[in-house]
Amino acid sequence: MPPLIVGFDLDMTLVDSRPGIAAAYRALTARTGVPVDADAAVSRLGPPLRVEIARWFPPEQVDSAVEAFRELYPAYAVTPTLPMPGAVEAIEAVHAHGGRVVVVTSKLGRLARLHLDHLGLAVDELAGDLFAEGKATALRAHGATLYVGDHTADMVAAEAAGVPGVAVATGPCSAEELRSAGASLVLTDLTGFPAALTTMIRLALEQ
C-alpha cells in the first residue's frame, strides 16, 4: 500500500480565520480609506486574496492594497483565528495511520505558517499561494492520497491531481455544490473525519 498523504485546505477547513481576516480588512479600510465590507468578504473565503480585493479597489490600486493587507495580516488576523471543530483530531488520525499531512492553500505560505504555529497544528508540509488546478501541482508533488477542502475549487484541485476530493461543508459552499463539483465524500465538518478515514483510504485505492 502506498504511503498515506492527506492534503488539507486551510481557511474554513482546518481553521476558522473569519474573525481575524475581518479584523485585517477593517484595518485595511482604516489605512486606505477605502470601505471594505469585512463581513461580506469573509463569507467568500477560498479564492486568492486579490480576487476579493478587486471587489473594493480600482484596478490600479489592487496590487498596493494586497501588499498592505499582507503587511497588516500578522498583527490582526492570527490571534483571533481558531481551529475548526475536529481539526486537531483529523490531523492526529492521519498520523495514527502512519500518514503525513500536507496543507495546500491559496494563502501565502508564510502567513499560513503563522496560523499553524500559533494553533500548534502539527502538519508535515505546507504549500501556499495555490488555487483550484494550481493546488494539484503541490498535491502531485507530495504524492497526496486525497485532498480535503471546503470549496468547490478544492474539489477541482483533487480531480486535477487524480485523487478523491473529500469535502467539509464548513465554508461558503453547500454540500450540494460540493457534490456537484466532484466530491467523493461530503462531511458536515471534520469531526467525522477520523471515523471516515478508512473509507477514504479505500476510495483512494480505487482511483
C-alpha atoms as a PDB file:
ATOM      1  CA  MET A   1       0.000   0.000   0.000  1.00  0.00           C
ATOM      2  CA  PRO A   2       1.399   3.448  -0.894  1.00  0.00           C
ATOM      3  CA  PRO A   3       2.065   5.879   1.971  1.00  0.00           C
ATOM      4  CA  LEU A   4      -0.917   7.834   3.285  1.00  0.00           C
ATOM      5  CA  ILE A   5      -0.511  11.529   2.438  1.00  0.00           C
ATOM      6  CA  VAL A   6      -3.552  13.659   3.203  1.00  0.00           C
ATOM      7  CA  GLY A   7      -3.812  17.167   1.809  1.00  0.00           C
ATOM      8  CA  PHE A   8      -5.891  19.732   3.668  1.00  0.00           C
ATOM      9  CA  ASP A   9      -7.029  23.199   2.693  1.00  0.00           C
ATOM     10  CA  LEU A  10      -6.542  25.799   5.447  1.00  0.00           C
ATOM     11  CA  ASP A  11      -9.223  28.513   5.703  1.00  0.00           C
ATOM     12  CA  MET A  12     -12.588  27.120   6.834  1.00  0.00           C
ATOM     13  CA  THR A  13     -11.234  23.575   6.557  1.00  0.00           C
ATOM     14  CA  LEU A  14      -8.615  23.417   9.309  1.00  0.00           C
ATOM     15  CA  VAL A  15      -9.009  26.916  10.759  1.00  0.00           C
ATOM     16  CA  ASP A  16     -11.806  29.426  11.204  1.00  0.00           C
ATOM     17  CA  SER A  17      -9.949  32.531  10.137  1.00  0.00           C
ATOM     18  CA  ARG A  18     -13.026  34.703   9.593  1.00  0.00           C
ATOM     19  CA  PRO A  19     -12.691  36.851  12.756  1.00  0.00           C
ATOM     20  CA  GLY A  20      -9.015  37.559  12.115  1.00  0.00           C
ATOM     21  CA  ILE A  21      -9.368  38.215   8.408  1.00  0.00           C
ATOM     22  CA  ALA A  22     -12.318  40.519   9.077  1.00  0.00           C
ATOM     23  CA  ALA A  23     -10.153  42.440  11.534  1.00  0.00           C
ATOM     24  CA  ALA A  24      -7.415  42.724   8.917  1.00  0.00           C
ATOM     25  CA  TYR A  25      -9.903  44.069   6.361  1.00  0.00           C
ATOM     26  CA  ARG A  26     -11.119  46.674   8.856  1.00  0.00           C
ATOM     27  CA  ALA A  27      -7.514  47.696   9.441  1.00  0.00           C
ATOM     28  CA  LEU A  28      -7.049  47.946   5.672  1.00  0.00           C
ATOM     29  CA  THR A  29     -10.049  50.268   5.459  1.00  0.00           C
ATOM     30  CA  ALA A  30      -8.602  52.397   8.258  1.00  0.00           C
ATOM     31  CA  ARG A  31      -5.259  52.603   6.445  1.00  0.00           C
ATOM     32  CA  THR A  32      -6.512  53.250   2.912  1.00  0.00           C
ATOM     33  CA  GLY A  33      -9.837  54.983   3.449  1.00  0.00           C
ATOM     34  CA  VAL A  34     -11.453  52.523   1.028  1.00  0.00           C
ATOM     35  CA  PRO A  35     -14.515  50.904   2.630  1.00  0.00           C
ATOM     36  CA  VAL A  36     -14.459  47.104   2.604  1.00  0.00           C
ATOM     37  CA  ASP A  37     -17.435  45.138   3.929  1.00  0.00           C
ATOM     38  CA  ALA A  38     -15.388  42.780   6.087  1.00  0.00           C
ATOM     39  CA  ASP A  39     -18.304  40.511   6.941  1.00  0.00           C
ATOM     40  CA  ALA A  40     -19.159  40.042   3.275  1.00  0.00           C
ATOM     41  CA  ALA A  41     -15.511  39.452   2.410  1.00  0.00           C
ATOM     42  CA  VAL A  42     -15.058  36.656   4.940  1.00  0.00           C
ATOM     43  CA  SER A  43     -18.217  34.933   3.712  1.00  0.00           C
ATOM     44  CA  ARG A  44     -16.348  34.218   0.455  1.00  0.00           C
ATOM     45  CA  LEU A  45     -13.034  32.795   1.708  1.00  0.00           C
ATOM     46  CA  GLY A  46     -11.300  30.425  -0.668  1.00  0.00           C
ATOM     47  CA  PRO A  47     -10.175  32.255  -3.810  1.00  0.00           C
ATOM     48  CA  PRO A  48      -6.895  34.203  -3.892  1.00  0.00           C
ATOM     49  CA  LEU A  49      -6.793  37.460  -1.917  1.00  0.00           C
ATOM     50  CA  ARG A  50      -6.595  39.704  -4.961  1.00  0.00           C
ATOM     51  CA  VAL A  51      -9.991  38.400  -6.174  1.00  0.00           C
ATOM     52  CA  GLU A  52     -11.653  39.848  -3.077  1.00  0.00           C
ATOM     53  CA  ILE A  53      -9.527  42.995  -3.029  1.00  0.00           C
ATOM     54  CA  ALA A  54     -10.555  43.696  -6.634  1.00  0.00           C
ATOM     55  CA  ARG A  55     -14.187  43.938  -5.500  1.00  0.00           C
ATOM     56  CA  TRP A  56     -13.370  47.029  -3.450  1.00  0.00           C
ATOM     57  CA  PHE A  57     -10.362  48.745  -5.006  1.00  0.00           C
ATOM     58  CA  PRO A  58      -9.919  50.133  -8.544  1.00  0.00           C
ATOM     59  CA  PRO A  59      -7.612  48.056 -10.757  1.00  0.00           C
ATOM     60  CA  GLU A  60      -4.642  50.386 -10.387  1.00  0.00           C
ATOM     61  CA  GLN A  61      -4.787  50.054  -6.573  1.00  0.00           C
ATOM     62  CA  VAL A  62      -5.251  46.283  -6.261  1.00  0.00           C
ATOM     63  CA  ASP A  63      -1.558  45.396  -6.043  1.00  0.00           C
ATOM     64  CA  SER A  64      -0.826  48.002  -3.381  1.00  0.00           C
ATOM     65  CA  ALA A  65      -3.937  47.011  -1.407  1.00  0.00           C
ATOM     66  CA  VAL A  66      -2.897  43.354  -1.480  1.00  0.00           C
ATOM     67  CA  GLU A  67       0.543  44.330  -0.212  1.00  0.00           C
ATOM     68  CA  ALA A  68      -0.961  46.490   2.538  1.00  0.00           C
ATOM     69  CA  PHE A  69      -3.348  43.735   3.628  1.00  0.00           C
ATOM     70  CA  ARG A  70      -0.485  41.259   3.896  1.00  0.00           C
ATOM     71  CA  GLU A  71       1.526  43.745   5.947  1.00  0.00           C
ATOM     72  CA  LEU A  72      -1.390  44.096   8.362  1.00  0.00           C
ATOM     73  CA  TYR A  73      -2.195  40.393   8.470  1.00  0.00           C
ATOM     74  CA  PRO A  74       0.219  39.170  11.166  1.00  0.00           C
ATOM     75  CA  ALA A  75      -0.886  41.801  13.672  1.00  0.00           C
ATOM     76  CA  TYR A  76      -4.635  41.414  13.118  1.00  0.00           C
ATOM     77  CA  ALA A  77      -5.514  38.027  11.638  1.00  0.00           C
ATOM     78  CA  VAL A  78      -3.552  35.381  13.515  1.00  0.00           C
ATOM     79  CA  THR A  79      -4.549  35.630  17.178  1.00  0.00           C
ATOM     80  CA  PRO A  80      -8.363  35.623  16.645  1.00  0.00           C
ATOM     81  CA  THR A  81      -8.230  32.522  14.416  1.00  0.00           C
ATOM     82  CA  LEU A  82      -9.377  29.213  15.933  1.00  0.00           C
ATOM     83  CA  PRO A  83      -9.131  25.577  14.841  1.00  0.00           C
ATOM     84  CA  MET A  84     -12.217  24.262  13.106  1.00  0.00           C
ATOM     85  CA  PRO A  85     -14.139  21.611  15.071  1.00  0.00           C
ATOM     86  CA  GLY A  86     -12.332  18.299  14.664  1.00  0.00           C
ATOM     87  CA  ALA A  87      -9.231  19.780  13.018  1.00  0.00           C
ATOM     88  CA  VAL A  88      -6.756  18.641  15.660  1.00  0.00           C
ATOM     89  CA  GLU A  89      -8.306  15.176  15.786  1.00  0.00           C
ATOM     90  CA  ALA A  90      -8.285  14.892  11.975  1.00  0.00           C
ATOM     91  CA  ILE A  91      -4.553  15.581  11.854  1.00  0.00           C
ATOM     92  CA  GLU A  92      -3.960  13.140  14.701  1.00  0.00           C
ATOM     93  CA  ALA A  93      -5.982  10.473  12.878  1.00  0.00           C
ATOM     94  CA  VAL A  94      -3.759  10.743   9.800  1.00  0.00           C
ATOM     95  CA  HIS A  95      -0.649  10.445  11.934  1.00  0.00           C
ATOM     96  CA  ALA A  96      -2.157   7.500  13.817  1.00  0.00           C
ATOM     97  CA  HIS A  97      -2.449   5.711  10.452  1.00  0.00           C
ATOM     98  CA  GLY A  98       1.240   6.361   9.850  1.00  0.00           C
ATOM     99  CA  GLY A  99       0.424   9.105   7.373  1.00  0.00           C
ATOM    100  CA  ARG A 100       1.573  12.652   6.694  1.00  0.00           C
ATOM    101  CA  VAL A 101      -0.404  15.880   6.497  1.00  0.00           C
ATOM    102  CA  VAL A 102       0.181  18.453   3.755  1.00  0.00           C
ATOM    103  CA  VAL A 103      -1.594  21.811   3.878  1.00  0.00           C
ATOM    104  CA  VAL A 104      -2.215  23.217   0.404  1.00  0.00           C
ATOM    105  CA  THR A 105      -3.772  26.682   0.482  1.00  0.00           C
ATOM    106  CA  SER A 106      -4.323  29.814  -1.570  1.00  0.00           C
ATOM    107  CA  LYS A 107      -2.906  31.844   1.320  1.00  0.00           C
ATOM    108  CA  LEU A 108       0.762  32.843   1.155  1.00  0.00           C
ATOM    109  CA  GLY A 109       2.820  30.142   2.808  1.00  0.00           C
ATOM    110  CA  ARG A 110       4.454  32.462   5.338  1.00  0.00           C
ATOM    111  CA  LEU A 111       1.035  33.709   6.514  1.00  0.00           C
ATOM    112  CA  ALA A 112      -0.412  30.201   6.628  1.00  0.00           C
ATOM    113  CA  ARG A 113       2.562  29.129   8.727  1.00  0.00           C
ATOM    114  CA  LEU A 114       1.714  31.807  11.305  1.00  0.00           C
ATOM    115  CA  HIS A 115      -1.707  30.199  11.827  1.00  0.00           C
ATOM    116  CA  LEU A 116      -0.350  26.666  12.040  1.00  0.00           C
ATOM    117  CA  ASP A 117       2.341  27.628  14.528  1.00  0.00           C
ATOM    118  CA  HIS A 118       0.025  29.767  16.649  1.00  0.00           C
ATOM    119  CA  LEU A 119      -2.540  26.971  16.929  1.00  0.00           C
ATOM    120  CA  GLY A 120       0.011  24.181  17.267  1.00  0.00           C
ATOM    121  CA  LEU A 121      -1.374  22.248  14.295  1.00  0.00           C
ATOM    122  CA  ALA A 122       1.225  19.563  13.633  1.00  0.00           C
ATOM    123  CA  VAL A 123       1.301  19.406   9.845  1.00  0.00           C
ATOM    124  CA  ASP A 124       4.226  17.891   7.961  1.00  0.00           C
ATOM    125  CA  GLU A 125       4.355  20.050   4.818  1.00  0.00           C
ATOM    126  CA  LEU A 126       2.912  23.346   3.610  1.00  0.00           C
ATOM    127  CA  ALA A 127       2.351  24.703   0.102  1.00  0.00           C
ATOM    128  CA  GLY A 128       0.864  28.166  -0.310  1.00  0.00           C
ATOM    129  CA  ASP A 129      -0.295  30.667  -2.942  1.00  0.00           C
ATOM    130  CA  LEU A 130      -2.133  27.976  -4.946  1.00  0.00           C
ATOM    131  CA  PHE A 131      -5.773  27.774  -6.048  1.00  0.00           C
ATOM    132  CA  ALA A 132      -8.008  25.307  -7.888  1.00  0.00           C
ATOM    133  CA  GLU A 133      -5.981  23.450 -10.545  1.00  0.00           C
ATOM    134  CA  GLY A 134      -2.840  25.139  -9.212  1.00  0.00           C
ATOM    135  CA  LYS A 135      -3.184  23.155  -5.992  1.00  0.00           C
ATOM    136  CA  ALA A 136      -2.949  19.939  -7.996  1.00  0.00           C
ATOM    137  CA  THR A 137       0.728  20.651  -8.678  1.00  0.00           C
ATOM    138  CA  ALA A 138       1.541  20.502  -4.967  1.00  0.00           C
ATOM    139  CA  LEU A 139      -0.759  17.536  -4.361  1.00  0.00           C
ATOM    140  CA  ARG A 140       1.010  15.544  -7.068  1.00  0.00           C
ATOM    141  CA  ALA A 141       4.455  16.659  -5.914  1.00  0.00           C
ATOM    142  CA  HIS A 142       3.758  15.416  -2.388  1.00  0.00           C
ATOM    143  CA  GLY A 143       2.113  12.201  -3.578  1.00  0.00           C
ATOM    144  CA  ALA A 144      -1.217  13.041  -1.948  1.00  0.00           C
ATOM    145  CA  THR A 145      -3.650  10.199  -1.361  1.00  0.00           C
ATOM    146  CA  LEU A 146      -6.657  12.533  -1.113  1.00  0.00           C
ATOM    147  CA  TYR A 147      -7.466  16.206  -0.602  1.00  0.00           C
ATOM    148  CA  VAL A 148      -9.812  17.686   1.989  1.00  0.00           C
ATOM    149  CA  GLY A 149     -11.368  21.109   1.483  1.00  0.00           C
ATOM    150  CA  ASP A 150     -14.439  23.275   1.914  1.00  0.00           C
ATOM    151  CA  HIS A 151     -14.622  24.950  -1.510  1.00  0.00           C
ATOM    152  CA  THR A 152     -15.713  23.727  -4.935  1.00  0.00           C
ATOM    153  CA  ALA A 153     -12.279  24.810  -6.188  1.00  0.00           C
ATOM    154  CA  ASP A 154     -10.748  22.293  -3.775  1.00  0.00           C
ATOM    155  CA  MET A 155     -12.724  19.540  -5.464  1.00  0.00           C
ATOM    156  CA  VAL A 156     -11.412  20.824  -8.815  1.00  0.00           C
ATOM    157  CA  ALA A 157      -7.902  20.583  -7.372  1.00  0.00           C
ATOM    158  CA  ALA A 158      -8.448  16.999  -6.242  1.00  0.00           C
ATOM    159  CA  GLU A 159      -9.805  15.973  -9.631  1.00  0.00           C
ATOM    160  CA  ALA A 160      -6.894  17.639 -11.423  1.00  0.00           C
ATOM    161  CA  ALA A 161      -4.486  15.768  -9.137  1.00  0.00           C
ATOM    162  CA  GLY A 162      -6.264  12.480  -9.768  1.00  0.00           C
ATOM    163  CA  VAL A 163      -7.174  11.887  -6.114  1.00  0.00           C
ATOM    164  CA  PRO A 164     -10.509  11.752  -4.256  1.00  0.00           C
ATOM    165  CA  GLY A 165     -11.829  15.077  -3.019  1.00  0.00           C
ATOM    166  CA  VAL A 166     -13.244  14.952   0.491  1.00  0.00           C
ATOM    167  CA  ALA A 167     -15.408  17.960   1.260  1.00  0.00           C
ATOM    168  CA  VAL A 168     -16.397  19.566   4.530  1.00  0.00           C
ATOM    169  CA  ALA A 169     -19.478  21.777   4.366  1.00  0.00           C
ATOM    170  CA  THR A 170     -17.997  24.381   6.701  1.00  0.00           C
ATOM    171  CA  GLY A 171     -17.146  27.119   4.215  1.00  0.00           C
ATOM    172  CA  PRO A 172     -19.012  29.162   1.608  1.00  0.00           C
ATOM    173  CA  CYS A 173     -20.112  26.169  -0.497  1.00  0.00           C
ATOM    174  CA  SER A 174     -23.114  23.971   0.279  1.00  0.00           C
ATOM    175  CA  ALA A 175     -22.967  20.184   0.458  1.00  0.00           C
ATOM    176  CA  GLU A 176     -24.884  20.045  -2.831  1.00  0.00           C
ATOM    177  CA  GLU A 177     -22.432  22.387  -4.541  1.00  0.00           C
ATOM    178  CA  LEU A 178     -19.505  20.329  -3.262  1.00  0.00           C
ATOM    179  CA  ARG A 179     -21.039  17.098  -4.551  1.00  0.00           C
ATOM    180  CA  SER A 180     -21.732  18.710  -7.914  1.00  0.00           C
ATOM    181  CA  ALA A 181     -18.091  19.812  -8.036  1.00  0.00           C
ATOM    182  CA  GLY A 182     -16.995  16.181  -7.771  1.00  0.00           C
ATOM    183  CA  ALA A 183     -16.577  15.490  -4.058  1.00  0.00           C
ATOM    184  CA  SER A 184     -16.203  11.765  -3.421  1.00  0.00           C
ATOM    185  CA  LEU A 185     -17.411  12.254   0.146  1.00  0.00           C
ATOM    186  CA  VAL A 186     -19.051  15.191   1.922  1.00  0.00           C
ATOM    187  CA  LEU A 187     -18.761  15.574   5.692  1.00  0.00           C
ATOM    188  CA  THR A 188     -20.648  18.047   7.839  1.00  0.00           C
ATOM    189  CA  ASP A 189     -17.336  19.008   9.434  1.00  0.00           C
ATOM    190  CA  LEU A 190     -14.003  17.449  10.390  1.00  0.00           C
ATOM    191  CA  THR A 191     -15.412  15.794  13.500  1.00  0.00           C
ATOM    192  CA  GLY A 192     -16.497  12.974  11.202  1.00  0.00           C
ATOM    193  CA  PHE A 193     -13.100  12.648   9.566  1.00  0.00           C
ATOM    194  CA  PRO A 194     -11.380  10.097  11.870  1.00  0.00           C
ATOM    195  CA  ALA A 195     -14.256   7.621  11.619  1.00  0.00           C
ATOM    196  CA  ALA A 196     -14.416   8.014   7.832  1.00  0.00           C
ATOM    197  CA  LEU A 197     -10.674   7.789   7.199  1.00  0.00           C
ATOM    198  CA  THR A 198     -10.663   4.054   6.441  1.00  0.00           C
ATOM    199  CA  THR A 199     -13.401   4.604   3.839  1.00  0.00           C
ATOM    200  CA  MET A 200     -11.418   7.484   2.363  1.00  0.00           C
ATOM    201  CA  ILE A 201      -8.303   5.338   2.047  1.00  0.00           C
ATOM    202  CA  ARG A 202     -10.333   2.707   0.205  1.00  0.00           C
ATOM    203  CA  LEU A 203     -11.694   5.396  -2.139  1.00  0.00           C
ATOM    204  CA  ALA A 204      -8.158   6.499  -2.876  1.00  0.00           C
ATOM    205  CA  LEU A 205      -7.021   2.962  -3.657  1.00  0.00           C
ATOM    206  CA  GLU A 206      -9.915   2.610  -6.111  1.00  0.00           C
ATOM    207  CA  GLN A 207      -8.875   5.717  -8.083  1.00  0.00           C
END
